[in-house]
Amino acid sequence: MEAGSGSGAAAGGGIALHDFSGQLGEQRVHFHAMRLRDSLFLWVGAAPALASLAVAMCSPRDSIPVAASLLGDPSDTASSCLAQRLASKTKKQIFVSYNLQNTDSNFTLLIENRIKEEMTAFPEKF
């Protein structure tokens, strides 16, 4: 697995960019994380595309974060499910663009675990 980072965070909590990738099963998957002031944008894919976008955030009235699909096929829940799980973990507003054909639950668990590994290794980027 490879990790690399783009520009660091500006003083006072500016934008932080972080790119990493991993071989998950048979597929090479690339990740692009952009930490904003109070939120995180995460792109996941194998080739440059923005086919879906979802947002999730914690709600004071519910233990499960609320999620909505913003772009793409609303019946494809991979982006919103991943956004929900990451919002629950980080307590931040999370935007996720999941651009892979494989939406099998075992594969998405590998994706989520790879993201969590990177969050542990580089917490300042998330």
C-alpha atoms as a PDB file:
ATOM      1  CA  MET A   1       0.000   0.000   0.000  1.00  0.00           C
ATOM      2  CA  GLU A   2       1.211   3.448  -0.824  1.00  0.00           C
ATOM      3  CA  ALA A   3       0.592   6.725   0.866  1.00  0.00           C
ATOM      4  CA  GLY A   4       1.434  10.213  -0.209  1.00  0.00           C
ATOM      5  CA  SER A   5       0.189  13.582   0.763  1.00  0.00           C
ATOM      6  CA  GLY A   6      -0.472  16.764  -1.090  1.00  0.00           C
ATOM      7  CA  SER A   7      -0.262  20.182   0.460  1.00  0.00           C
ATOM      8  CA  GLY A   8      -0.456  20.380   4.219  1.00  0.00           C
ATOM      9  CA  ALA A   9      -2.995  22.233   6.279  1.00  0.00           C
ATOM     10  CA  ALA A  10      -2.666  25.978   6.463  1.00  0.00           C
ATOM     11  CA  ALA A  11      -2.281  27.555   9.866  1.00  0.00           C
ATOM     12  CA  GLY A  12      -5.590  27.841  11.629  1.00  0.00           C
ATOM     13  CA  GLY A  13      -7.201  24.692  10.211  1.00  0.00           C
ATOM     14  CA  GLY A  14      -7.176  25.287   6.453  1.00  0.00           C
ATOM     15  CA  ILE A  15      -7.655  22.651   3.793  1.00  0.00           C
ATOM     16  CA  ALA A  16      -5.531  19.501   4.016  1.00  0.00           C
ATOM     17  CA  LEU A  17      -5.188  17.189   1.004  1.00  0.00           C
ATOM     18  CA  HIS A  18      -4.155  13.560   1.261  1.00  0.00           C
ATOM     19  CA  ASP A  19      -3.879  10.973  -1.517  1.00  0.00           C
ATOM     20  CA  PHE A  20      -3.293   7.265  -0.945  1.00  0.00           C
ATOM     21  CA  SER A  21      -3.999   3.976  -2.673  1.00  0.00           C
ATOM     22  CA  GLY A  22      -4.098   0.269  -2.025  1.00  0.00           C
ATOM     23  CA  GLN A  23      -4.395  -3.089  -3.728  1.00  0.00           C
ATOM     24  CA  LEU A  24      -7.716  -4.431  -2.465  1.00  0.00           C
ATOM     25  CA  GLY A  25      -8.282  -7.922  -3.748  1.00  0.00           C
ATOM     26  CA  GLU A  26      -7.766  -7.839  -7.501  1.00  0.00           C
ATOM     27  CA  GLN A  27      -8.266  -4.093  -7.826  1.00  0.00           C
ATOM     28  CA  ARG A  28      -6.027  -1.071  -7.359  1.00  0.00           C
ATOM     29  CA  VAL A  29      -8.085   1.584  -5.554  1.00  0.00           C
ATOM     30  CA  HIS A  30      -7.156   5.252  -5.221  1.00  0.00           C
ATOM     31  CA  PHE A  31      -8.332   7.606  -2.488  1.00  0.00           C
ATOM     32  CA  HIS A  32      -8.339  11.389  -2.296  1.00  0.00           C
ATOM     33  CA  ALA A  33      -9.196  13.041   1.007  1.00  0.00           C
ATOM     34  CA  MET A  34      -9.766  16.758   1.411  1.00  0.00           C
ATOM     35  CA  ARG A  35     -10.160  17.898   4.994  1.00  0.00           C
ATOM     36  CA  LEU A  36     -12.057  21.148   5.270  1.00  0.00           C
ATOM     37  CA  ARG A  37     -12.738  23.184   8.407  1.00  0.00           C
ATOM     38  CA  ASP A  38     -15.559  21.032   9.827  1.00  0.00           C
ATOM     39  CA  SER A  39     -16.004  18.388   7.148  1.00  0.00           C
ATOM     40  CA  LEU A  40     -14.241  15.840   4.983  1.00  0.00           C
ATOM     41  CA  PHE A  41     -14.559  15.119   1.259  1.00  0.00           C
ATOM     42  CA  LEU A  42     -13.454  11.617   0.283  1.00  0.00           C
ATOM     43  CA  TRP A  43     -13.172  10.350  -3.303  1.00  0.00           C
ATOM     44  CA  VAL A  44     -12.726   6.604  -3.918  1.00  0.00           C
ATOM     45  CA  GLY A  45     -12.146   5.122  -7.360  1.00  0.00           C
ATOM     46  CA  ALA A  46      -9.969   3.342  -9.888  1.00  0.00           C
ATOM     47  CA  ALA A  47     -10.163   5.952 -12.672  1.00  0.00           C
ATOM     48  CA  PRO A  48     -10.891   9.692 -12.714  1.00  0.00           C
ATOM     49  CA  ALA A  49     -14.691  10.031 -12.437  1.00  0.00           C
ATOM     50  CA  LEU A  50     -17.304  11.646 -10.248  1.00  0.00           C
ATOM     51  CA  ALA A  51     -20.296   9.358 -10.789  1.00  0.00           C
ATOM     52  CA  SER A  52     -21.809   9.659  -7.326  1.00  0.00           C
ATOM     53  CA  LEU A  53     -21.730  11.973  -4.330  1.00  0.00           C
ATOM     54  CA  ALA A  54     -23.394  11.598  -0.948  1.00  0.00           C
ATOM     55  CA  VAL A  55     -23.262  13.523   2.309  1.00  0.00           C
ATOM     56  CA  ALA A  56     -23.796  12.338   5.880  1.00  0.00           C
ATOM     57  CA  MET A  57     -23.722  14.088   9.235  1.00  0.00           C
ATOM     58  CA  CYS A  58     -24.547  13.335  12.840  1.00  0.00           C
ATOM     59  CA  SER A  59     -27.849  14.528  14.220  1.00  0.00           C
ATOM     60  CA  PRO A  60     -28.503  15.370  17.865  1.00  0.00           C
ATOM     61  CA  ARG A  61     -31.897  13.611  17.586  1.00  0.00           C
ATOM     62  CA  ASP A  62     -30.696  10.299  16.165  1.00  0.00           C
ATOM     63  CA  SER A  63     -27.850   7.898  16.938  1.00  0.00           C
ATOM     64  CA  ILE A  64     -27.422   7.053  13.234  1.00  0.00           C
ATOM     65  CA  PRO A  65     -26.047   9.844  11.007  1.00  0.00           C
ATOM     66  CA  VAL A  66     -28.419  11.251   8.386  1.00  0.00           C
ATOM     67  CA  ALA A  67     -27.339  10.708   4.770  1.00  0.00           C
ATOM     68  CA  ALA A  68     -28.462  11.957   1.380  1.00  0.00           C
ATOM     69  CA  SER A  69     -27.441  11.197  -2.181  1.00  0.00           C
ATOM     70  CA  LEU A  70     -26.459  14.399  -4.013  1.00  0.00           C
ATOM     71  CA  LEU A  71     -25.311  13.066  -7.387  1.00  0.00           C
ATOM     72  CA  GLY A  72     -25.743   9.825  -9.289  1.00  0.00           C
ATOM     73  CA  ASP A  73     -28.171   6.940  -9.087  1.00  0.00           C
ATOM     74  CA  PRO A  74     -30.037   7.184  -5.759  1.00  0.00           C
ATOM     75  CA  SER A  75     -30.529   3.398  -5.696  1.00  0.00           C
ATOM     76  CA  ASP A  76     -26.736   2.955  -5.491  1.00  0.00           C
ATOM     77  CA  THR A  77     -26.174   3.377  -1.770  1.00  0.00           C
ATOM     78  CA  ALA A  78     -22.397   2.726  -1.625  1.00  0.00           C
ATOM     79  CA  SER A  79     -21.492   6.433  -1.256  1.00  0.00           C
ATOM     80  CA  SER A  80     -24.164   7.218   1.327  1.00  0.00           C
ATOM     81  CA  CYS A  81     -23.510   4.088   3.417  1.00  0.00           C
ATOM     82  CA  LEU A  82     -19.776   4.787   3.524  1.00  0.00           C
ATOM     83  CA  ALA A  83     -20.453   8.445   4.344  1.00  0.00           C
ATOM     84  CA  GLN A  84     -22.756   7.392   7.203  1.00  0.00           C
ATOM     85  CA  ARG A  85     -20.212   5.032   8.726  1.00  0.00           C
ATOM     86  CA  LEU A  86     -17.414   7.609   8.485  1.00  0.00           C
ATOM     87  CA  ALA A  87     -19.628  10.368   9.929  1.00  0.00           C
ATOM     88  CA  SER A  88     -20.419   8.095  12.854  1.00  0.00           C
ATOM     89  CA  LYS A  89     -16.705   7.469  13.416  1.00  0.00           C
ATOM     90  CA  THR A  90     -15.457  11.058  12.980  1.00  0.00           C
ATOM     91  CA  LYS A  91     -18.510  13.075  14.145  1.00  0.00           C
ATOM     92  CA  LYS A  92     -17.944  15.318  11.108  1.00  0.00           C
ATOM     93  CA  GLN A  93     -19.945  16.109   8.013  1.00  0.00           C
ATOM     94  CA  ILE A  94     -18.666  13.670   5.377  1.00  0.00           C
ATOM     95  CA  PHE A  95     -18.969  13.903   1.594  1.00  0.00           C
ATOM     96  CA  VAL A  96     -18.185  10.633  -0.228  1.00  0.00           C
ATOM     97  CA  SER A  97     -17.843   9.923  -3.920  1.00  0.00           C
ATOM     98  CA  TYR A  98     -17.599   6.139  -4.403  1.00  0.00           C
ATOM     99  CA  ASN A  99     -16.705   5.435  -8.031  1.00  0.00           C
ATOM    100  CA  LEU A 100     -16.142   1.681  -8.217  1.00  0.00           C
ATOM    101  CA  GLN A 101     -18.275  -0.967  -9.926  1.00  0.00           C
ATOM    102  CA  ASN A 102     -17.782  -3.395  -7.030  1.00  0.00           C
ATOM    103  CA  THR A 103     -20.304  -2.574  -4.285  1.00  0.00           C
ATOM    104  CA  ASP A 104     -20.165  -6.017  -2.651  1.00  0.00           C
ATOM    105  CA  SER A 105     -20.365  -5.630   1.146  1.00  0.00           C
ATOM    106  CA  ASN A 106     -17.078  -7.517   1.707  1.00  0.00           C
ATOM    107  CA  PHE A 107     -15.277  -5.254  -0.763  1.00  0.00           C
ATOM    108  CA  THR A 108     -16.732  -2.058   0.728  1.00  0.00           C
ATOM    109  CA  LEU A 109     -15.568  -3.305   4.142  1.00  0.00           C
ATOM    110  CA  LEU A 110     -12.024  -3.553   2.705  1.00  0.00           C
ATOM    111  CA  ILE A 111     -12.411   0.030   1.427  1.00  0.00           C
ATOM    112  CA  GLU A 112     -13.592   1.245   4.822  1.00  0.00           C
ATOM    113  CA  ASN A 113     -10.772  -0.567   6.641  1.00  0.00           C
ATOM    114  CA  ARG A 114      -8.179   0.964   4.283  1.00  0.00           C
ATOM    115  CA  ILE A 115      -9.587   4.437   5.026  1.00  0.00           C
ATOM    116  CA  LYS A 116      -9.522   3.767   8.792  1.00  0.00           C
ATOM    117  CA  GLU A 117      -5.873   2.592   8.535  1.00  0.00           C
ATOM    118  CA  GLU A 118      -4.989   5.873   6.862  1.00  0.00           C
ATOM    119  CA  MET A 119      -6.984   7.881   9.426  1.00  0.00           C
ATOM    120  CA  THR A 120      -5.010   6.190  12.216  1.00  0.00           C
ATOM    121  CA  ALA A 121      -1.651   6.769  10.491  1.00  0.00           C
ATOM    122  CA  PHE A 122      -2.363  10.409   9.473  1.00  0.00           C
ATOM    123  CA  PRO A 123      -5.054  11.816  11.806  1.00  0.00           C
ATOM    124  CA  GLU A 124      -4.119  15.410  10.946  1.00  0.00           C
ATOM    125  CA  LYS A 125      -5.208  14.797   7.330  1.00  0.00           C
ATOM    126  CA  PHE A 126      -8.740  13.806   8.313  1.00  0.00           C
END
